[in-house]
Structure formats: structure tokens, C-alpha cells
Amino acid sequence: MRVDSAVGTGPDAEPIAAARIDHPAGSTVASHHHASGQLSVVRQGTMTVTADEGWWLAPPGLAIWVPPHLSHGARYSESSSLINVHMPVSLSGGLPVTCEVLPASELLLQLALEAERVTRAADASTHRPIAVLIGALMVEHLRAPSTRPRLFVPHGHDRRLRAVTDLLRLHPGSDWTLTRLAAHANTSARTLARLFIEETGMPFGRWREHLRIVMGVDMLARGETITTTAMALGYASASSFTTLFTRLLGAPPRRYMASVTS
């Protein structure tokens, strides 16, 4: 492929801009949106992005894509460092139309680091062609087929369902039954079960398992042991947690964490 035929490298192409952002543990960013698309490459800590559909988790080695104009908030459970790459709409067209967790390969990380260096250069205007080319290379790389990490938890839109999913996000290790949770949301267990299937695509039990495993990734990324994580999430043993983790994410905890953080 000729360089001048790549996505977004024509004479009118807009450059990307990037910045390194550090967040202290426990910090949050209120709901907002950008005119450009945003790719956040996580280098340290963990990042959680929440939007209308649910929330996405990225430990080091992964990135979260947020399309232009999509309202979203963010949370950082520990001291975190990331590179935010803002991509103009002209480049964003080839990327997902909703938030998505994406692999952050070594190539993608190096492109993000170079974009940040070019953005803060004193003579940034003279680096514009480089910023344009970096953006095009990043988009081509992100559009290539890859295995997408399944670190997304849908939380639904119905207020009754949201009351329950928000509560379980705060207490993932609880053993509360569907009946008890339905009472909390002022509805019936039958209605709540239906809402889980209609709005999250999963029955209640499967959704809770998925929630626990995603939150397990967050805890493991923060340095918690497998045993501590399993106990905090309501499992009887580390082996039962490992079995479910492997079934849902395709690899046991240690191997999975090594693959996303290497």
C-alpha cells in the first residue's frame, strides 16, 4: 500500500493529538464527550469507562476506544497513567461506533508515545505531517483483525435493572438472590429476570458471573492474589474462581494477566 493511499494521509488530512495523563487512585471523571474520537492506552493502573450501554475495563496492555460525541465517564481504582490520543472524525470512521476495549500492542504503544512527543514539541506545526501519518498507521493497526478482550459489562437502561446492576457492581461478592434483588428494585423476580435477558443479553446468573470475572481482572491488575480475589468475589475457593475465569476469558488468571500486561 502506498503511503499516500493510506487512511487519512491526503493533503487535507487532520493530525492526531496525544497527551500523557496521570490520575490518582480513586479519581473519577464526570460524564462528558469529545468532538474527536479518543483512544486511551493504559500504561499503569486500570481504567474504567462508563457509557449508556455499560462499562469497559482496561488494565495495562489494553486500550479503550471512545467514538466522537459519545457521552462517557471514567474511573481509576488505583494510581494510573495513560496516553490519550484524540483522533479527528475523518480518522474515526473506520473504528468501532461504540466504546470498545482493544489490545494495545507494543507497536500501538510506541505510536502513541511518538504522537505524544510530537504533540508537545515546541515546533509542533512542523511535525504536522508526522502526526497525520502516525494517526493513519494507528487506525490501520486498530482495524486489523484481532481478538477483542471481553471486558465489557452491560448494565441495562431500565431503572429497575440499573438499580440492581449498580448495587451488584458495588457488592460483586454478595450471594443475594434474584428475589431479594427484585425487592430492592421494587419489582418482581420474574420481571427482573426478563430485564436481564432483554437488556444485557444474559440471564441473571451468567451476568453476575461475567461481572465477577471482569472485576477479578481489575483486582488482579492491582496486585491482588488469586485467592484474595476469589474470596472477595464470593467464590468458595481459588480453584472455582480459576475454572470460571478460564471458561469465560479463555485462559487461567495468571496466563491471561501475563498476556494483556506483557
Protein backbone atom coordinates (compact mmCIF):
# COMPACT_ATOMS: atom_id res chain seq x y z
CA MET A 1 0.00 0.00 0.00
CA ARG A 2 1.38 3.41 -0.95
CA VAL A 3 1.76 5.81 1.98
CA ASP A 4 -0.33 8.48 0.27
CA SER A 5 -3.17 6.00 -0.22
CA ALA A 6 -3.42 5.10 3.48
CA VAL A 7 -6.41 6.16 5.55
CA GLY A 8 -6.31 9.87 6.36
CA THR A 9 -2.98 10.86 4.75
CA GLY A 10 -4.21 13.10 1.94
CA PRO A 11 -3.36 16.81 1.69
CA ASP A 12 -6.39 17.79 3.78
CA ALA A 13 -5.88 15.13 6.45
CA GLU A 14 -6.13 16.28 10.05
CA PRO A 15 -3.38 15.36 12.53
CA ILE A 16 -3.97 13.47 15.75
CA ALA A 17 -3.02 14.92 19.15
CA ALA A 18 -1.90 12.99 22.22
CA ALA A 19 -1.14 13.70 25.86
CA ARG A 20 0.06 11.70 28.84
CA ILE A 21 -2.48 11.79 31.67
CA ASP A 22 -1.93 10.65 35.27
CA HIS A 23 -4.78 10.02 37.71
CA PRO A 24 -4.51 9.36 41.46
CA ALA A 25 -6.15 6.27 42.96
CA GLY A 26 -9.90 6.61 43.36
CA SER A 27 -10.28 9.55 41.00
CA THR A 28 -13.25 9.89 38.66
CA VAL A 29 -14.03 11.94 35.57
CA ALA A 30 -17.64 13.11 35.20
CA SER A 31 -19.65 12.32 32.10
CA HIS A 32 -18.51 14.35 29.09
CA HIS A 33 -17.87 13.97 25.37
CA HIS A 34 -15.31 14.95 22.75
CA ALA A 35 -15.72 16.21 19.22
CA SER A 36 -12.91 13.83 18.28
CA GLY A 37 -12.53 10.12 18.95
CA GLN A 38 -10.36 9.15 21.89
CA LEU A 39 -8.09 6.15 22.32
CA SER A 40 -6.79 5.76 25.88
CA VAL A 41 -3.75 3.48 26.07
CA VAL A 42 -3.29 2.30 29.65
CA ARG A 43 0.32 2.08 30.82
CA GLN A 44 -0.17 1.75 34.56
CA GLY A 45 -3.14 1.08 36.84
CA THR A 46 -6.60 0.40 35.47
CA MET A 47 -9.17 2.50 33.64
CA THR A 48 -12.93 2.01 33.65
CA VAL A 49 -15.10 3.88 31.14
CA THR A 50 -18.85 4.06 31.69
CA ALA A 51 -21.36 4.98 28.98
CA ASP A 52 -25.03 4.40 28.32
CA GLU A 53 -24.59 0.73 27.37
CA GLY A 54 -22.46 -0.33 30.32
CA TRP A 55 -18.83 -0.15 31.37
CA TRP A 56 -15.48 -1.25 30.00
CA LEU A 57 -12.30 -2.14 31.89
CA ALA A 58 -8.73 -1.82 30.66
CA PRO A 59 -5.67 -2.87 32.69
CA PRO A 60 -2.14 -2.15 31.40
CA GLY A 61 -1.61 -3.63 27.95
CA LEU A 62 -5.09 -2.70 26.75
CA ALA A 63 -6.77 0.45 25.47
CA ILE A 64 -10.30 1.84 25.44
CA TRP A 65 -11.74 3.46 22.33
CA VAL A 66 -14.45 6.13 22.73
CA PRO A 67 -16.11 7.35 19.49
CA PRO A 68 -16.65 11.07 18.80
CA HIS A 69 -19.55 12.78 20.64
CA LEU A 70 -20.32 9.76 22.85
CA SER A 71 -21.00 10.75 26.47
CA HIS A 72 -18.86 8.81 28.91
CA GLY A 73 -17.27 9.00 32.34
CA ALA A 74 -14.14 7.35 33.73
CA ARG A 75 -12.89 5.89 36.99
CA TYR A 76 -9.42 4.90 38.16
CA SER A 77 -9.27 2.39 41.01
CA GLU A 78 -5.55 2.92 41.57
CA SER A 79 -2.86 5.38 40.56
CA SER A 80 -2.99 5.22 36.77
CA SER A 81 -1.08 6.53 33.80
CA LEU A 82 -2.33 6.56 30.23
CA ILE A 83 -1.83 8.21 26.89
CA ASN A 84 -4.96 9.82 25.45
CA VAL A 85 -4.87 10.01 21.67
CA HIS A 86 -7.51 12.27 20.12
CA MET A 87 -8.40 11.29 16.58
CA PRO A 88 -10.34 13.62 14.25
CA VAL A 89 -13.66 12.44 12.87
CA SER A 90 -12.02 11.91 9.48
CA LEU A 91 -9.97 9.08 11.02
CA SER A 92 -12.59 7.75 13.40
CA GLY A 93 -14.89 6.48 10.67
CA GLY A 94 -13.02 3.20 10.34
CA LEU A 95 -13.16 2.41 14.05
CA PRO A 96 -15.98 0.98 16.25
CA VAL A 97 -19.12 3.10 16.64
CA THR A 98 -19.33 2.38 20.36
CA CYS A 99 -16.80 2.06 23.16
CA GLU A 100 -14.58 -0.98 22.94
CA VAL A 101 -11.60 -2.49 24.74
CA LEU A 102 -8.75 -3.08 22.27
CA PRO A 103 -5.36 -4.79 22.52
CA ALA A 104 -2.52 -2.30 22.98
CA SER A 105 0.37 -3.98 21.18
CA GLU A 106 3.92 -2.74 21.52
CA LEU A 107 3.55 -1.08 18.10
CA LEU A 108 0.41 0.76 19.16
CA LEU A 109 2.07 1.90 22.40
CA GLN A 110 5.12 3.21 20.56
CA LEU A 111 2.93 5.07 18.06
CA ALA A 112 1.01 6.64 20.96
CA LEU A 113 4.25 7.66 22.67
CA GLU A 114 5.54 9.23 19.47
CA ALA A 115 2.23 11.04 18.95
CA GLU A 116 2.53 12.48 22.46
CA ARG A 117 6.12 13.59 21.80
CA VAL A 118 5.15 15.25 18.52
CA THR A 119 2.14 16.97 20.09
CA ARG A 120 4.18 18.66 22.84
CA ALA A 121 7.12 19.55 20.60
CA ALA A 122 7.93 23.27 20.58
CA ASP A 123 7.73 23.26 16.78
CA ALA A 124 4.63 21.07 16.65
CA SER A 125 3.39 22.74 13.47
CA THR A 126 6.38 21.44 11.53
CA HIS A 127 5.60 17.94 12.77
CA ARG A 128 2.07 18.01 11.35
CA PRO A 129 2.80 15.54 8.50
CA ILE A 130 4.28 13.12 11.03
CA ALA A 131 1.20 13.42 13.27
CA VAL A 132 -1.03 12.74 10.26
CA LEU A 133 0.95 9.65 9.31
CA ILE A 134 1.03 8.32 12.88
CA GLY A 135 -2.75 8.66 13.04
CA ALA A 136 -3.20 6.75 9.80
CA LEU A 137 -0.87 3.98 10.98
CA MET A 138 -2.73 3.69 14.28
CA VAL A 139 -6.09 3.38 12.54
CA GLU A 140 -4.78 0.77 10.11
CA HIS A 141 -3.37 -1.18 13.04
CA LEU A 142 -6.61 -0.97 15.06
CA ARG A 143 -8.69 -2.06 12.08
CA ALA A 144 -6.68 -5.25 11.61
CA PRO A 145 -8.48 -8.42 12.77
CA SER A 146 -7.66 -9.28 16.38
CA THR A 147 -9.11 -10.98 19.42
CA ARG A 148 -11.02 -8.33 21.36
CA PRO A 149 -10.87 -8.68 25.16
CA ARG A 150 -14.33 -9.33 26.63
CA LEU A 151 -14.02 -6.81 29.45
CA PHE A 152 -17.39 -5.14 28.98
CA VAL A 153 -20.29 -5.37 31.43
CA PRO A 154 -23.71 -4.21 30.12
CA HIS A 155 -25.77 -2.58 32.86
CA GLY A 156 -29.10 -2.03 31.10
CA HIS A 157 -31.32 1.03 30.74
CA ASP A 158 -34.46 0.22 32.71
CA ARG A 159 -34.31 1.98 36.10
CA ARG A 160 -35.21 -1.23 37.95
CA LEU A 161 -32.45 -3.18 36.25
CA ARG A 162 -29.96 -0.36 36.77
CA ALA A 163 -30.77 -0.29 40.49
CA VAL A 164 -29.74 -3.94 40.66
CA THR A 165 -26.69 -3.84 38.38
CA ASP A 166 -25.35 -0.75 40.16
CA LEU A 167 -25.82 -2.48 43.54
CA LEU A 168 -24.06 -5.65 42.41
CA ARG A 169 -21.20 -3.66 40.97
CA LEU A 170 -20.64 -2.29 44.48
CA HIS A 171 -21.09 -5.74 46.08
CA PRO A 172 -19.95 -8.32 43.49
CA GLY A 173 -19.29 -10.99 46.13
CA SER A 174 -22.80 -10.95 47.54
CA ASP A 175 -25.00 -14.04 47.38
CA TRP A 176 -28.24 -12.10 47.07
CA THR A 177 -30.95 -13.99 45.23
CA LEU A 178 -32.94 -12.66 42.31
CA THR A 179 -35.96 -12.39 44.61
CA ARG A 180 -34.10 -10.22 47.12
CA LEU A 181 -32.67 -8.04 44.38
CA ALA A 182 -36.11 -7.64 42.81
CA ALA A 183 -37.46 -6.39 46.14
CA HIS A 184 -34.63 -3.84 46.24
CA ALA A 185 -35.73 -2.59 42.81
CA ASN A 186 -39.46 -2.64 43.67
CA THR A 187 -40.27 -5.22 41.04
CA SER A 188 -40.84 -8.96 40.74
CA ALA A 189 -38.20 -11.63 40.28
CA ARG A 190 -39.88 -12.66 37.04
CA THR A 191 -39.73 -9.12 35.64
CA LEU A 192 -36.12 -8.68 36.73
CA ALA A 193 -35.11 -11.98 35.10
CA ARG A 194 -36.75 -10.83 31.87
CA LEU A 195 -34.98 -7.47 32.00
CA PHE A 196 -31.59 -9.13 32.37
CA ILE A 197 -32.12 -11.16 29.22
CA GLU A 198 -33.68 -8.34 27.18
CA GLU A 199 -31.22 -5.58 28.14
CA THR A 200 -27.92 -7.34 28.83
CA GLY A 201 -28.32 -10.37 26.58
CA MET A 202 -27.55 -12.68 29.51
CA PRO A 203 -29.59 -14.48 32.16
CA PHE A 204 -29.05 -13.13 35.68
CA GLY A 205 -26.68 -15.90 36.80
CA ARG A 206 -24.47 -15.61 33.75
CA TRP A 207 -24.41 -11.81 34.02
CA ARG A 208 -23.27 -11.99 37.65
CA GLU A 209 -20.55 -14.48 36.73
CA HIS A 210 -19.36 -12.15 33.98
CA LEU A 211 -19.39 -9.16 36.34
CA ARG A 212 -17.30 -11.05 38.90
CA ILE A 213 -14.72 -12.14 36.36
CA VAL A 214 -14.29 -8.63 34.92
CA MET A 215 -13.94 -7.24 38.44
CA GLY A 216 -11.49 -10.05 39.11
CA VAL A 217 -9.31 -8.80 36.27
CA ASP A 218 -9.35 -5.35 37.89
CA MET A 219 -8.28 -6.78 41.26
CA LEU A 220 -5.55 -8.96 39.75
CA ALA A 221 -4.22 -5.98 37.79
CA ARG A 222 -3.96 -4.11 41.09
CA GLY A 223 -1.74 -6.83 42.52
CA GLU A 224 -4.27 -8.90 44.50
CA THR A 225 -3.61 -12.64 44.70
CA ILE A 226 -5.89 -15.14 43.03
CA THR A 227 -7.03 -16.44 46.42
CA THR A 228 -7.81 -12.98 47.81
CA THR A 229 -9.66 -12.08 44.62
CA ALA A 230 -11.68 -15.30 44.67
CA MET A 231 -12.74 -14.81 48.28
CA ALA A 232 -13.69 -11.16 47.74
CA LEU A 233 -15.87 -12.12 44.78
CA GLY A 234 -17.81 -14.77 46.64
CA TYR A 235 -16.11 -17.97 45.43
CA ALA A 236 -15.64 -20.92 47.78
CA SER A 237 -12.09 -21.48 46.58
CA ALA A 238 -9.39 -20.15 44.27
CA SER A 239 -9.87 -23.20 42.03
CA SER A 240 -13.58 -22.48 41.46
CA PHE A 241 -12.74 -18.89 40.52
CA THR A 242 -9.95 -20.09 38.20
CA THR A 243 -12.26 -22.57 36.49
CA LEU A 244 -14.88 -19.94 35.69
CA PHE A 245 -12.23 -17.34 34.74
CA THR A 246 -10.73 -19.79 32.26
CA ARG A 247 -14.12 -20.66 30.79
CA LEU A 248 -15.14 -17.03 30.25
CA LEU A 249 -11.82 -15.48 29.19
CA GLY A 250 -10.13 -18.45 27.54
CA ALA A 251 -7.08 -18.71 29.80
CA PRO A 252 -6.37 -19.16 33.53
CA PRO A 253 -5.81 -15.95 35.55
CA ARG A 254 -2.00 -15.88 35.57
CA ARG A 255 -1.68 -16.62 31.87
CA TYR A 256 -4.44 -14.17 30.94
CA MET A 257 -2.95 -11.33 33.01
CA ALA A 258 0.50 -12.02 31.57
CA SER A 259 -0.91 -11.84 28.03
CA VAL A 260 -2.57 -8.44 28.50
CA THR A 261 0.16 -6.79 30.57
CA SER A 262 3.25 -8.07 28.72
